[in-house]
């Protein structure tokens, strides 16, 4: 069972928007607030968001990291994350995270109690990023699991596309950054509307033999 990170296991939507606003303020030399960001900012590559605000230069990594570190101080894992991962481990289901975050930022976002329940973490620098399937395939290779026996829980169109490209069953998280209808259009085999008994739901889906396309 593979998971995206932002919006799926951690409640980071506001922090992501705050990072964009903070960096834009730094880069443009004027005050930019979350309210000034385009409505699609949370689900769009940062370069496109910054270009919409008027910044088309190279992204200074030091400035971006500083904005990220400050914004993520308020990020917490969703309450269901630890019990869900613990239940999957108890059921002998291998788990992994495939994220666009860099490895340095994983420790900023996830407490040790969550990381200890994850078998593998694939970050931005480890493989060609989503929507390419490379990260998912790398995680499965390290876990010794075939794509047809895996699911990927994500909350964006790129997550669904990556799962399809990898031959993994795409599962949409209805509590994440994108609307359920968006995930359905992107090819989700199923969109989970809420997190009630998430581990039980995921285990049940694994028993149905759904396959990715």
N, C-alpha and C. Protein backbone atom coordinates (compact mmCIF):
# COMPACT_ATOMS: atom_id res chain seq x y z
N UNK A 1 0.85 -1.18 0.00
CA UNK A 1 0.00 0.00 0.00
C UNK A 1 0.89 1.24 0.00
N UNK A 2 0.83 2.00 -1.08
CA UNK A 2 1.63 3.20 -1.21
C UNK A 2 0.76 4.44 -1.00
N UNK A 3 1.35 5.47 -0.42
CA UNK A 3 0.63 6.70 -0.12
C UNK A 3 1.40 7.90 -0.64
N UNK A 4 0.65 8.89 -1.14
CA UNK A 4 1.19 10.23 -1.30
C UNK A 4 1.31 10.81 0.11
N UNK A 5 2.03 11.90 0.25
CA UNK A 5 2.24 12.49 1.58
C UNK A 5 1.32 13.68 1.85
N UNK A 6 1.53 14.77 1.12
CA UNK A 6 0.78 16.01 1.38
C UNK A 6 -0.70 15.83 1.06
N UNK A 7 -1.54 16.15 2.02
CA UNK A 7 -2.97 16.05 1.82
C UNK A 7 -3.54 14.66 2.02
N UNK A 8 -2.66 13.67 2.12
CA UNK A 8 -3.12 12.28 2.30
C UNK A 8 -2.79 11.79 3.70
N UNK A 9 -1.53 11.93 4.10
CA UNK A 9 -1.14 11.54 5.46
C UNK A 9 -0.92 12.74 6.37
N UNK A 10 -0.58 13.88 5.79
CA UNK A 10 -0.36 15.08 6.60
C UNK A 10 -1.26 16.21 6.11
N UNK A 11 -1.75 16.99 7.05
CA UNK A 11 -2.65 18.10 6.76
C UNK A 11 -1.80 19.33 6.45
N UNK A 12 -1.36 19.44 5.21
CA UNK A 12 -0.35 20.45 4.87
C UNK A 12 -0.82 21.46 3.83
N UNK A 13 -2.10 21.47 3.54
CA UNK A 13 -2.58 22.40 2.50
C UNK A 13 -2.24 23.85 2.84
N UNK A 14 -2.57 24.28 4.06
CA UNK A 14 -2.31 25.67 4.42
C UNK A 14 -0.81 25.96 4.42
N UNK A 15 -0.01 25.00 4.89
CA UNK A 15 1.44 25.21 4.92
C UNK A 15 2.00 25.34 3.52
N UNK A 16 1.47 24.57 2.59
CA UNK A 16 1.94 24.65 1.21
C UNK A 16 1.63 26.02 0.62
N UNK A 17 0.43 26.51 0.88
CA UNK A 17 0.06 27.83 0.39
C UNK A 17 0.87 28.93 1.07
N UNK A 18 1.11 28.76 2.37
CA UNK A 18 1.91 29.74 3.11
C UNK A 18 3.34 29.77 2.58
N UNK A 19 3.89 28.62 2.22
CA UNK A 19 5.23 28.57 1.62
C UNK A 19 5.27 29.36 0.32
N UNK A 20 4.28 29.15 -0.52
CA UNK A 20 4.22 29.88 -1.79
C UNK A 20 4.12 31.38 -1.55
N UNK A 21 3.26 31.79 -0.63
CA UNK A 21 3.09 33.22 -0.35
C UNK A 21 4.36 33.81 0.26
N UNK A 22 5.00 33.07 1.15
CA UNK A 22 6.21 33.56 1.78
C UNK A 22 7.34 33.72 0.79
N UNK A 23 7.51 32.72 -0.09
CA UNK A 23 8.58 32.83 -1.08
C UNK A 23 8.29 33.95 -2.07
N UNK A 24 7.03 34.08 -2.49
CA UNK A 24 6.67 35.15 -3.42
C UNK A 24 6.94 36.52 -2.82
N UNK A 25 6.66 36.67 -1.53
CA UNK A 25 6.96 37.93 -0.84
C UNK A 25 8.46 38.22 -0.89
N UNK A 26 9.26 37.18 -0.63
CA UNK A 26 10.72 37.30 -0.67
C UNK A 26 11.22 37.62 -2.08
N UNK A 27 10.68 36.90 -3.08
CA UNK A 27 11.20 37.02 -4.44
C UNK A 27 10.73 38.29 -5.15
N UNK A 28 9.51 38.72 -4.85
CA UNK A 28 8.95 39.87 -5.55
C UNK A 28 9.17 41.19 -4.81
N UNK A 29 9.55 41.08 -3.53
CA UNK A 29 9.80 42.29 -2.76
C UNK A 29 8.54 43.05 -2.40
N UNK A 30 7.44 42.36 -2.37
CA UNK A 30 6.18 42.98 -1.95
C UNK A 30 5.37 41.94 -1.18
N UNK A 31 4.42 42.41 -0.40
CA UNK A 31 3.62 41.52 0.42
C UNK A 31 2.69 40.66 -0.44
N UNK A 32 2.79 39.35 -0.29
CA UNK A 32 1.90 38.41 -0.95
C UNK A 32 1.30 37.53 0.13
N UNK A 33 -0.01 37.49 0.21
CA UNK A 33 -0.68 36.66 1.21
C UNK A 33 -1.29 35.43 0.55
N UNK A 34 -1.74 34.49 1.36
CA UNK A 34 -2.40 33.29 0.84
C UNK A 34 -3.62 33.69 0.00
N UNK A 35 -4.31 34.74 0.42
CA UNK A 35 -5.50 35.20 -0.31
C UNK A 35 -5.15 35.71 -1.70
N UNK A 36 -3.89 36.11 -1.92
CA UNK A 36 -3.47 36.62 -3.23
C UNK A 36 -3.14 35.50 -4.21
N UNK A 37 -3.05 34.27 -3.75
CA UNK A 37 -2.69 33.15 -4.61
C UNK A 37 -3.87 32.74 -5.48
N UNK A 38 -3.60 32.22 -6.69
CA UNK A 38 -4.70 31.72 -7.52
C UNK A 38 -5.38 30.53 -6.83
N UNK A 39 -6.64 30.31 -7.15
CA UNK A 39 -7.42 29.28 -6.46
C UNK A 39 -6.86 27.89 -6.70
N UNK A 40 -6.11 27.71 -7.77
CA UNK A 40 -5.57 26.40 -8.11
C UNK A 40 -4.14 26.21 -7.59
N UNK A 41 -3.68 27.08 -6.71
CA UNK A 41 -2.28 27.07 -6.28
C UNK A 41 -1.87 25.77 -5.59
N UNK A 42 -2.77 25.16 -4.83
CA UNK A 42 -2.39 23.98 -4.04
C UNK A 42 -2.14 22.74 -4.89
N UNK A 43 -2.65 22.72 -6.11
CA UNK A 43 -2.53 21.52 -6.95
C UNK A 43 -1.75 21.79 -8.23
N UNK A 44 -1.00 22.88 -8.26
CA UNK A 44 -0.26 23.27 -9.46
C UNK A 44 1.23 23.42 -9.14
N UNK A 45 2.13 23.03 -10.05
CA UNK A 45 3.56 23.21 -9.79
C UNK A 45 3.89 24.64 -9.38
N UNK A 46 4.82 24.77 -8.45
CA UNK A 46 5.12 26.08 -7.88
C UNK A 46 5.56 27.09 -8.92
N UNK A 47 6.26 26.63 -9.97
CA UNK A 47 6.72 27.55 -11.01
C UNK A 47 5.55 28.25 -11.69
N UNK A 48 4.46 27.51 -11.91
CA UNK A 48 3.29 28.09 -12.57
C UNK A 48 2.60 29.11 -11.66
N UNK A 49 2.54 28.78 -10.37
CA UNK A 49 1.91 29.70 -9.43
C UNK A 49 2.71 31.00 -9.35
N UNK A 50 4.03 30.87 -9.22
CA UNK A 50 4.87 32.06 -9.11
C UNK A 50 4.83 32.89 -10.39
N UNK A 51 4.77 32.21 -11.54
CA UNK A 51 4.67 32.94 -12.81
C UNK A 51 3.37 33.74 -12.86
N UNK A 52 2.29 33.17 -12.36
CA UNK A 52 1.00 33.88 -12.32
C UNK A 52 1.10 35.13 -11.46
N UNK A 53 1.94 35.08 -10.43
CA UNK A 53 2.12 36.22 -9.54
C UNK A 53 3.11 37.24 -10.09
N UNK A 54 3.81 36.87 -11.17
CA UNK A 54 4.73 37.80 -11.80
C UNK A 54 6.20 37.47 -11.63
N UNK A 55 6.50 36.29 -11.06
CA UNK A 55 7.91 35.92 -10.88
C UNK A 55 8.25 34.76 -11.80
N UNK A 56 9.19 34.97 -12.68
CA UNK A 56 9.58 33.94 -13.65
C UNK A 56 11.06 33.57 -13.55
N UNK A 57 11.73 34.06 -12.53
CA UNK A 57 13.15 33.76 -12.38
C UNK A 57 13.38 32.38 -11.78
N UNK A 58 14.65 32.06 -11.58
CA UNK A 58 15.00 30.79 -10.94
C UNK A 58 14.57 30.83 -9.48
N UNK A 59 14.17 29.67 -8.97
CA UNK A 59 13.74 29.59 -7.57
C UNK A 59 14.97 29.41 -6.69
N UNK A 60 15.22 30.39 -5.85
CA UNK A 60 16.33 30.33 -4.92
C UNK A 60 16.03 29.27 -3.86
N UNK A 61 16.84 28.21 -3.83
CA UNK A 61 16.53 27.10 -2.94
C UNK A 61 16.63 27.47 -1.47
N UNK A 62 17.57 28.35 -1.15
CA UNK A 62 17.69 28.78 0.23
C UNK A 62 16.45 29.53 0.70
N UNK A 63 15.95 30.42 -0.16
CA UNK A 63 14.74 31.16 0.18
C UNK A 63 13.53 30.24 0.26
N UNK A 64 13.46 29.27 -0.65
CA UNK A 64 12.34 28.33 -0.63
C UNK A 64 12.38 27.46 0.63
N UNK A 65 13.56 26.98 0.99
CA UNK A 65 13.69 26.14 2.19
C UNK A 65 13.32 26.91 3.45
N UNK A 66 13.72 28.18 3.51
CA UNK A 66 13.40 28.99 4.68
C UNK A 66 11.88 29.19 4.80
N UNK A 67 11.23 29.46 3.67
CA UNK A 67 9.78 29.62 3.69
C UNK A 67 9.10 28.31 4.07
N UNK A 68 9.61 27.19 3.55
CA UNK A 68 9.02 25.88 3.85
C UNK A 68 9.19 25.53 5.32
N UNK A 69 10.39 25.73 5.85
CA UNK A 69 10.65 25.38 7.24
C UNK A 69 9.74 26.14 8.19
N UNK A 70 9.53 27.41 7.91
CA UNK A 70 8.65 28.22 8.75
C UNK A 70 7.20 27.74 8.63
N UNK A 71 6.75 27.51 7.39
CA UNK A 71 5.35 27.14 7.17
C UNK A 71 5.02 25.78 7.77
N UNK A 72 5.96 24.85 7.71
CA UNK A 72 5.66 23.48 8.16
C UNK A 72 5.67 23.33 9.68
N UNK A 73 5.98 24.39 10.41
CA UNK A 73 5.94 24.31 11.87
C UNK A 73 4.53 24.00 12.38
N UNK A 74 3.53 24.31 11.59
CA UNK A 74 2.15 24.07 12.01
C UNK A 74 1.55 22.80 11.43
N UNK A 75 2.33 22.06 10.64
CA UNK A 75 1.81 20.86 9.98
C UNK A 75 1.73 19.70 10.96
N UNK A 76 0.66 18.95 10.89
CA UNK A 76 0.51 17.75 11.70
C UNK A 76 -0.01 16.62 10.83
N UNK A 77 0.37 15.39 11.20
CA UNK A 77 -0.21 14.24 10.52
C UNK A 77 -1.69 14.17 10.84
N UNK A 78 -2.49 13.72 9.89
CA UNK A 78 -3.91 13.51 10.16
C UNK A 78 -4.06 12.51 11.31
N UNK A 79 -5.08 12.67 12.15
CA UNK A 79 -5.25 11.76 13.30
C UNK A 79 -5.35 10.29 12.92
N UNK A 80 -5.84 10.00 11.72
CA UNK A 80 -6.01 8.61 11.31
C UNK A 80 -4.72 7.96 10.82
N UNK A 81 -3.69 8.76 10.56
CA UNK A 81 -2.50 8.23 9.88
C UNK A 81 -1.82 7.12 10.68
N UNK A 82 -1.48 7.40 11.93
CA UNK A 82 -0.76 6.40 12.72
C UNK A 82 -1.57 5.12 12.94
N UNK A 83 -2.84 5.19 13.37
CA UNK A 83 -3.59 3.96 13.55
C UNK A 83 -3.81 3.18 12.26
N UNK A 84 -3.97 3.90 11.14
CA UNK A 84 -4.15 3.21 9.85
C UNK A 84 -2.89 2.45 9.47
N UNK A 85 -1.75 3.11 9.58
CA UNK A 85 -0.48 2.45 9.24
C UNK A 85 -0.18 1.30 10.19
N UNK A 86 -0.51 1.47 11.47
CA UNK A 86 -0.28 0.39 12.43
C UNK A 86 -1.15 -0.81 12.10
N UNK A 87 -2.40 -0.57 11.70
CA UNK A 87 -3.30 -1.66 11.35
C UNK A 87 -2.82 -2.39 10.10
N UNK A 88 -2.31 -1.65 9.12
CA UNK A 88 -1.78 -2.28 7.91
C UNK A 88 -0.55 -3.13 8.24
N UNK A 89 0.30 -2.62 9.11
CA UNK A 89 1.47 -3.41 9.51
C UNK A 89 1.04 -4.69 10.23
N UNK A 90 0.05 -4.57 11.11
CA UNK A 90 -0.46 -5.75 11.84
C UNK A 90 -1.01 -6.79 10.86
N UNK A 91 -1.58 -6.30 9.74
CA UNK A 91 -2.11 -7.20 8.72
C UNK A 91 -1.04 -7.67 7.75
N UNK A 92 0.22 -7.33 8.03
CA UNK A 92 1.37 -7.74 7.21
C UNK A 92 1.33 -7.14 5.80
N UNK A 93 0.84 -5.91 5.71
CA UNK A 93 0.82 -5.19 4.44
C UNK A 93 2.00 -4.22 4.42
N UNK A 94 2.86 -4.34 3.42
CA UNK A 94 3.99 -3.43 3.27
C UNK A 94 3.47 -2.04 2.89
N UNK A 95 4.11 -1.00 3.41
CA UNK A 95 3.66 0.36 3.14
C UNK A 95 4.81 1.23 2.66
N UNK A 96 4.46 2.24 1.88
CA UNK A 96 5.47 3.17 1.41
C UNK A 96 4.87 4.53 1.12
N UNK A 97 5.71 5.54 1.10
CA UNK A 97 5.33 6.90 0.71
C UNK A 97 6.08 7.26 -0.56
N UNK A 98 5.37 7.81 -1.54
CA UNK A 98 5.99 8.34 -2.75
C UNK A 98 5.57 9.80 -2.85
N UNK A 99 6.53 10.69 -2.69
CA UNK A 99 6.22 12.11 -2.55
C UNK A 99 7.11 12.98 -3.43
N UNK A 100 6.61 14.17 -3.73
CA UNK A 100 7.41 15.16 -4.44
C UNK A 100 8.26 15.98 -3.48
N UNK A 101 8.14 15.74 -2.21
CA UNK A 101 8.98 16.43 -1.23
C UNK A 101 10.41 15.90 -1.28
N UNK A 102 11.36 16.76 -0.93
CA UNK A 102 12.75 16.30 -0.82
C UNK A 102 12.92 15.54 0.50
N UNK A 103 13.95 14.73 0.58
CA UNK A 103 14.15 13.90 1.77
C UNK A 103 14.38 14.75 3.01
N UNK A 104 15.03 15.89 2.84
CA UNK A 104 15.28 16.77 3.98
C UNK A 104 13.97 17.18 4.64
N UNK A 105 12.93 17.39 3.83
CA UNK A 105 11.68 17.93 4.36
C UNK A 105 10.78 16.86 4.98
N UNK A 106 11.09 15.59 4.76
CA UNK A 106 10.28 14.53 5.36
C UNK A 106 10.28 14.66 6.88
N UNK A 107 11.45 14.91 7.45
CA UNK A 107 11.55 15.05 8.90
C UNK A 107 10.86 16.31 9.41
N UNK A 108 10.66 17.28 8.54
CA UNK A 108 9.94 18.49 8.94
C UNK A 108 8.44 18.21 9.02
N UNK A 109 7.98 17.23 8.27
CA UNK A 109 6.55 17.00 8.12
C UNK A 109 6.02 15.82 8.93
N UNK A 110 6.84 14.80 9.13
CA UNK A 110 6.36 13.58 9.77
C UNK A 110 7.06 13.32 11.09
N UNK A 111 6.32 13.03 12.14
CA UNK A 111 6.94 12.66 13.41
C UNK A 111 7.50 11.24 13.34
N UNK A 112 8.44 10.90 14.21
CA UNK A 112 9.03 9.56 14.20
C UNK A 112 8.01 8.44 14.31
N UNK A 113 6.92 8.66 15.04
CA UNK A 113 5.93 7.60 15.21
C UNK A 113 5.32 7.19 13.87
N UNK A 114 5.22 8.12 12.93
CA UNK A 114 4.70 7.79 11.60
C UNK A 114 5.80 7.15 10.75
N UNK A 115 6.98 7.73 10.76
CA UNK A 115 8.07 7.20 9.95
C UNK A 115 8.41 5.77 10.34
N UNK A 116 8.28 5.45 11.63
CA UNK A 116 8.59 4.10 12.08
C UNK A 116 7.60 3.06 11.56
N UNK A 117 6.45 3.52 11.08
CA UNK A 117 5.42 2.60 10.57
C UNK A 117 5.46 2.45 9.05
N UNK A 118 6.38 3.17 8.40
CA UNK A 118 6.50 3.15 6.95
C UNK A 118 7.73 2.34 6.56
N UNK A 119 7.57 1.44 5.59
CA UNK A 119 8.68 0.57 5.19
C UNK A 119 9.64 1.24 4.21
N UNK A 120 9.13 2.13 3.35
CA UNK A 120 9.99 2.77 2.35
C UNK A 120 9.45 4.15 2.04
N UNK A 121 10.36 5.12 1.86
CA UNK A 121 9.99 6.48 1.47
C UNK A 121 10.78 6.84 0.22
N UNK A 122 10.07 7.18 -0.85
CA UNK A 122 10.69 7.61 -2.10
C UNK A 122 10.41 9.09 -2.27
N UNK A 123 11.48 9.88 -2.38
CA UNK A 123 11.37 11.33 -2.44
C UNK A 123 11.69 11.88 -3.83
N UNK A 124 11.59 13.18 -3.94
CA UNK A 124 11.75 13.87 -5.22
C UNK A 124 13.08 13.52 -5.88
N UNK A 125 14.14 13.45 -5.08
CA UNK A 125 15.46 13.24 -5.67
C UNK A 125 15.77 11.78 -5.98
N UNK A 126 14.88 10.88 -5.61
CA UNK A 126 15.13 9.45 -5.79
C UNK A 126 14.72 8.92 -7.16
N UNK A 127 13.79 9.59 -7.83
CA UNK A 127 13.26 9.09 -9.10
C UNK A 127 12.59 10.24 -9.85
N UNK A 128 12.35 10.03 -11.13
CA UNK A 128 11.61 11.02 -11.92
C UNK A 128 10.26 11.23 -11.24
N UNK A 129 9.90 12.47 -10.97
CA UNK A 129 8.70 12.73 -10.16
C UNK A 129 7.40 12.38 -10.87
N UNK A 130 6.35 12.19 -10.08
CA UNK A 130 5.01 12.01 -10.61
C UNK A 130 4.63 13.20 -11.49
N UNK A 131 3.90 12.97 -12.59
CA UNK A 131 3.10 11.79 -12.92
C UNK A 131 3.85 10.63 -13.55
N UNK A 132 5.16 10.70 -13.67
CA UNK A 132 5.91 9.53 -14.14
C UNK A 132 5.75 8.40 -13.11
N UNK A 133 5.80 7.16 -13.55
CA UNK A 133 5.61 6.03 -12.63
C UNK A 133 6.86 5.63 -11.87
N UNK A 134 7.99 6.28 -12.14
CA UNK A 134 9.28 5.81 -11.64
C UNK A 134 9.33 5.67 -10.12
N UNK A 135 8.79 6.64 -9.39
CA UNK A 135 8.83 6.59 -7.94
C UNK A 135 8.05 5.42 -7.38
N UNK A 136 6.87 5.18 -7.93
CA UNK A 136 6.06 4.05 -7.48
C UNK A 136 6.77 2.74 -7.78
N UNK A 137 7.33 2.62 -8.98
CA UNK A 137 8.01 1.39 -9.35
C UNK A 137 9.26 1.16 -8.51
N UNK A 138 9.96 2.24 -8.16
CA UNK A 138 11.13 2.11 -7.29
C UNK A 138 10.72 1.61 -5.91
N UNK A 139 9.65 2.17 -5.37
CA UNK A 139 9.17 1.74 -4.05
C UNK A 139 8.77 0.27 -4.07
N UNK A 140 8.05 -0.14 -5.10
CA UNK A 140 7.61 -1.53 -5.19
C UNK A 140 8.79 -2.48 -5.37
N UNK A 141 9.78 -2.04 -6.14
CA UNK A 141 10.97 -2.87 -6.33
C UNK A 141 11.68 -3.10 -5.00
N UNK A 142 11.80 -2.04 -4.22
CA UNK A 142 12.47 -2.17 -2.93
C UNK A 142 11.65 -3.01 -1.95
N UNK A 143 10.33 -2.98 -2.10
CA UNK A 143 9.47 -3.77 -1.21
C UNK A 143 9.31 -5.20 -1.70
N UNK A 144 9.70 -5.47 -2.94
CA UNK A 144 9.53 -6.80 -3.50
C UNK A 144 8.09 -7.12 -3.82
N UNK A 145 7.33 -6.11 -4.27
CA UNK A 145 5.91 -6.26 -4.56
C UNK A 145 5.67 -5.96 -6.04
N UNK A 146 4.85 -6.75 -6.71
CA UNK A 146 4.53 -6.49 -8.11
C UNK A 146 3.45 -5.42 -8.20
N UNK A 147 3.45 -4.61 -9.27
CA UNK A 147 2.46 -3.53 -9.40
C UNK A 147 1.02 -4.01 -9.30
N UNK A 148 0.73 -5.18 -9.84
CA UNK A 148 -0.63 -5.68 -9.80
C UNK A 148 -1.13 -6.01 -8.42
N UNK A 149 -0.22 -6.09 -7.46
CA UNK A 149 -0.60 -6.39 -6.08
C UNK A 149 -0.58 -5.15 -5.20
N UNK A 150 -0.48 -3.97 -5.83
CA UNK A 150 -0.30 -2.74 -5.05
C UNK A 150 -1.39 -1.73 -5.34
N UNK A 151 -1.57 -0.82 -4.39
CA UNK A 151 -2.46 0.33 -4.53
C UNK A 151 -1.69 1.59 -4.16
N UNK A 152 -2.12 2.70 -4.75
CA UNK A 152 -1.52 4.00 -4.42
C UNK A 152 -2.63 4.96 -4.05
N UNK A 153 -2.57 5.47 -2.84
CA UNK A 153 -3.58 6.41 -2.35
C UNK A 153 -3.05 7.83 -2.55
N UNK A 154 -3.71 8.59 -3.40
CA UNK A 154 -3.24 9.94 -3.70
C UNK A 154 -4.40 10.91 -3.81
N UNK A 155 -4.06 12.19 -3.91
CA UNK A 155 -5.10 13.22 -3.91
C UNK A 155 -4.99 14.20 -5.06
N UNK A 156 -4.19 13.88 -6.08
CA UNK A 156 -4.06 14.77 -7.23
C UNK A 156 -4.15 13.97 -8.52
N UNK A 157 -4.38 14.70 -9.60
CA UNK A 157 -4.42 14.06 -10.92
C UNK A 157 -3.10 13.36 -11.23
N UNK A 158 -1.99 13.99 -10.88
CA UNK A 158 -0.69 13.38 -11.17
C UNK A 158 -0.51 12.07 -10.40
N UNK A 159 -1.08 11.98 -9.21
CA UNK A 159 -1.02 10.73 -8.46
C UNK A 159 -1.75 9.62 -9.21
N UNK A 160 -2.95 9.93 -9.70
CA UNK A 160 -3.74 8.93 -10.42
C UNK A 160 -3.03 8.52 -11.71
N UNK A 161 -2.47 9.49 -12.42
CA UNK A 161 -1.77 9.18 -13.67
C UNK A 161 -0.54 8.32 -13.41
N UNK A 162 0.19 8.63 -12.34
CA UNK A 162 1.38 7.84 -12.00
C UNK A 162 1.01 6.40 -11.68
N UNK A 163 -0.08 6.22 -10.94
CA UNK A 163 -0.52 4.87 -10.59
C UNK A 163 -0.89 4.08 -11.84
N UNK A 164 -1.65 4.69 -12.74
CA UNK A 164 -2.02 4.02 -13.98
C UNK A 164 -0.79 3.63 -14.78
N UNK A 165 0.15 4.57 -14.88
CA UNK A 165 1.36 4.30 -15.66
C UNK A 165 2.19 3.18 -15.06
N UNK A 166 2.12 3.03 -13.75
CA UNK A 166 2.88 1.97 -13.06
C UNK A 166 2.14 0.64 -13.03
N UNK A 167 0.87 0.62 -13.42
CA UNK A 167 0.09 -0.59 -13.34
C UNK A 167 -0.41 -0.88 -11.94
N UNK A 168 -0.50 0.18 -11.13
CA UNK A 168 -0.94 0.08 -9.74
C UNK A 168 -2.38 0.59 -9.64
N UNK A 169 -3.18 0.01 -8.77
CA UNK A 169 -4.55 0.46 -8.61
C UNK A 169 -4.57 1.86 -7.98
N UNK A 170 -5.14 2.86 -8.67
CA UNK A 170 -5.18 4.22 -8.13
C UNK A 170 -6.39 4.43 -7.22
N UNK A 171 -6.15 4.88 -6.00
CA UNK A 171 -7.20 5.13 -5.02
C UNK A 171 -7.17 6.61 -4.68
N UNK A 172 -8.29 7.30 -4.87
CA UNK A 172 -8.36 8.72 -4.58
C UNK A 172 -8.72 8.99 -3.13
N UNK A 173 -8.04 9.95 -2.53
CA UNK A 173 -8.36 10.36 -1.15
C UNK A 173 -9.25 11.59 -1.22
N UNK A 174 -10.52 11.41 -0.88
CA UNK A 174 -11.47 12.49 -0.98
C UNK A 174 -11.26 13.60 0.01
N UNK A 175 -10.38 13.40 0.99
CA UNK A 175 -10.09 14.43 1.99
C UNK A 175 -8.87 15.27 1.61
N UNK A 176 -8.29 15.03 0.45
CA UNK A 176 -7.05 15.69 0.06
C UNK A 176 -7.24 17.00 -0.68
N UNK A 177 -6.25 17.37 -1.49
CA UNK A 177 -6.21 18.67 -2.15
C UNK A 177 -7.22 18.80 -3.29
N UNK A 178 -7.55 17.69 -3.97
CA UNK A 178 -8.40 17.76 -5.15
C UNK A 178 -9.81 17.28 -4.85
N UNK A 179 -10.75 17.78 -5.62
CA UNK A 179 -12.14 17.35 -5.47
C UNK A 179 -12.29 15.91 -5.92
N UNK A 180 -13.20 15.16 -5.30
CA UNK A 180 -13.41 13.76 -5.71
C UNK A 180 -13.69 13.60 -7.21
N UNK A 181 -14.47 14.51 -7.79
CA UNK A 181 -14.78 14.41 -9.21
C UNK A 181 -13.52 14.52 -10.06
N UNK A 182 -12.59 15.35 -9.63
CA UNK A 182 -11.32 15.50 -10.35
C UNK A 182 -10.54 14.19 -10.34
N UNK A 183 -10.52 13.53 -9.20
CA UNK A 183 -9.80 12.27 -9.08
C UNK A 183 -10.47 11.18 -9.92
N UNK A 184 -11.79 11.18 -9.96
CA UNK A 184 -12.51 10.21 -10.78
C UNK A 184 -12.19 10.40 -12.25
N UNK A 185 -12.20 11.65 -12.69
CA UNK A 185 -11.87 11.94 -14.09
C UNK A 185 -10.44 11.55 -14.42
N UNK A 186 -9.56 11.64 -13.42
CA UNK A 186 -8.15 11.31 -13.64
C UNK A 186 -7.90 9.80 -13.63
N UNK A 187 -8.93 9.02 -13.34
CA UNK A 187 -8.79 7.58 -13.46
C UNK A 187 -8.76 6.80 -12.17
N UNK A 188 -9.17 7.41 -11.06
CA UNK A 188 -9.19 6.67 -9.80
C UNK A 188 -10.13 5.47 -9.91
N UNK A 189 -9.68 4.31 -9.45
CA UNK A 189 -10.54 3.13 -9.43
C UNK A 189 -11.66 3.32 -8.44
N UNK A 190 -11.36 4.03 -7.37
CA UNK A 190 -12.35 4.36 -6.34
C UNK A 190 -11.86 5.62 -5.64
N UNK A 191 -12.79 6.46 -5.21
CA UNK A 191 -12.45 7.63 -4.41
C UNK A 191 -13.07 7.44 -3.04
N UNK A 192 -12.25 7.45 -2.01
CA UNK A 192 -12.73 7.27 -0.64
C UNK A 192 -13.19 8.63 -0.12
N UNK A 193 -14.45 8.78 0.27
CA UNK A 193 -14.96 10.09 0.66
C UNK A 193 -14.52 10.55 2.04
N UNK A 194 -14.11 9.62 2.89
CA UNK A 194 -13.73 9.98 4.26
C UNK A 194 -12.73 8.95 4.78
N UNK A 195 -12.28 9.17 6.01
CA UNK A 195 -11.22 8.31 6.57
C UNK A 195 -11.74 7.37 7.65
N UNK A 196 -13.05 7.27 7.81
CA UNK A 196 -13.59 6.35 8.81
C UNK A 196 -13.15 4.92 8.49
N UNK A 197 -12.55 4.24 9.48
CA UNK A 197 -12.06 2.87 9.30
C UNK A 197 -11.26 2.74 8.01
N UNK A 198 -10.30 3.65 7.82
CA UNK A 198 -9.54 3.67 6.56
C UNK A 198 -8.78 2.37 6.35
N UNK A 199 -8.15 1.85 7.40
CA UNK A 199 -7.40 0.60 7.25
C UNK A 199 -8.31 -0.53 6.81
N UNK A 200 -9.49 -0.63 7.43
CA UNK A 200 -10.43 -1.68 7.05
C UNK A 200 -10.88 -1.54 5.61
N UNK A 201 -11.12 -0.29 5.19
CA UNK A 201 -11.54 -0.05 3.81
C UNK A 201 -10.45 -0.44 2.82
N UNK A 202 -9.21 -0.06 3.12
CA UNK A 202 -8.10 -0.38 2.22
C UNK A 202 -7.86 -1.89 2.16
N UNK A 203 -7.94 -2.55 3.29
CA UNK A 203 -7.76 -4.00 3.30
C UNK A 203 -8.87 -4.68 2.51
N UNK A 204 -10.08 -4.16 2.62
CA UNK A 204 -11.20 -4.70 1.85
C UNK A 204 -10.97 -4.52 0.36
N UNK A 205 -10.49 -3.33 -0.04
CA UNK A 205 -10.21 -3.09 -1.45
C UNK A 205 -9.11 -4.02 -1.98
N UNK A 206 -8.13 -4.28 -1.15
CA UNK A 206 -7.06 -5.19 -1.58
C UNK A 206 -7.58 -6.58 -1.85
N UNK A 207 -8.65 -6.94 -1.17
CA UNK A 207 -9.22 -8.28 -1.36
C UNK A 207 -10.11 -8.40 -2.56
N UNK A 208 -10.42 -7.24 -3.23
CA UNK A 208 -11.32 -7.29 -4.39
C UNK A 208 -10.58 -7.61 -5.67
N UNK A 209 -9.23 -7.51 -5.64
CA UNK A 209 -8.46 -7.83 -6.83
C UNK A 209 -8.55 -6.77 -7.91
N UNK A 210 -8.86 -5.51 -7.55
CA UNK A 210 -8.89 -4.44 -8.55
C UNK A 210 -7.49 -4.24 -9.11
N UNK A 211 -7.42 -3.94 -10.39
CA UNK A 211 -6.14 -3.74 -11.04
C UNK A 211 -6.05 -2.33 -11.60
N UNK A 212 -4.83 -1.80 -11.59
CA UNK A 212 -4.61 -0.50 -12.23
C UNK A 212 -4.62 -0.64 -13.73
N UNK A 213 -4.78 0.49 -14.44
CA UNK A 213 -4.85 0.46 -15.88
C UNK A 213 -3.66 1.15 -16.49
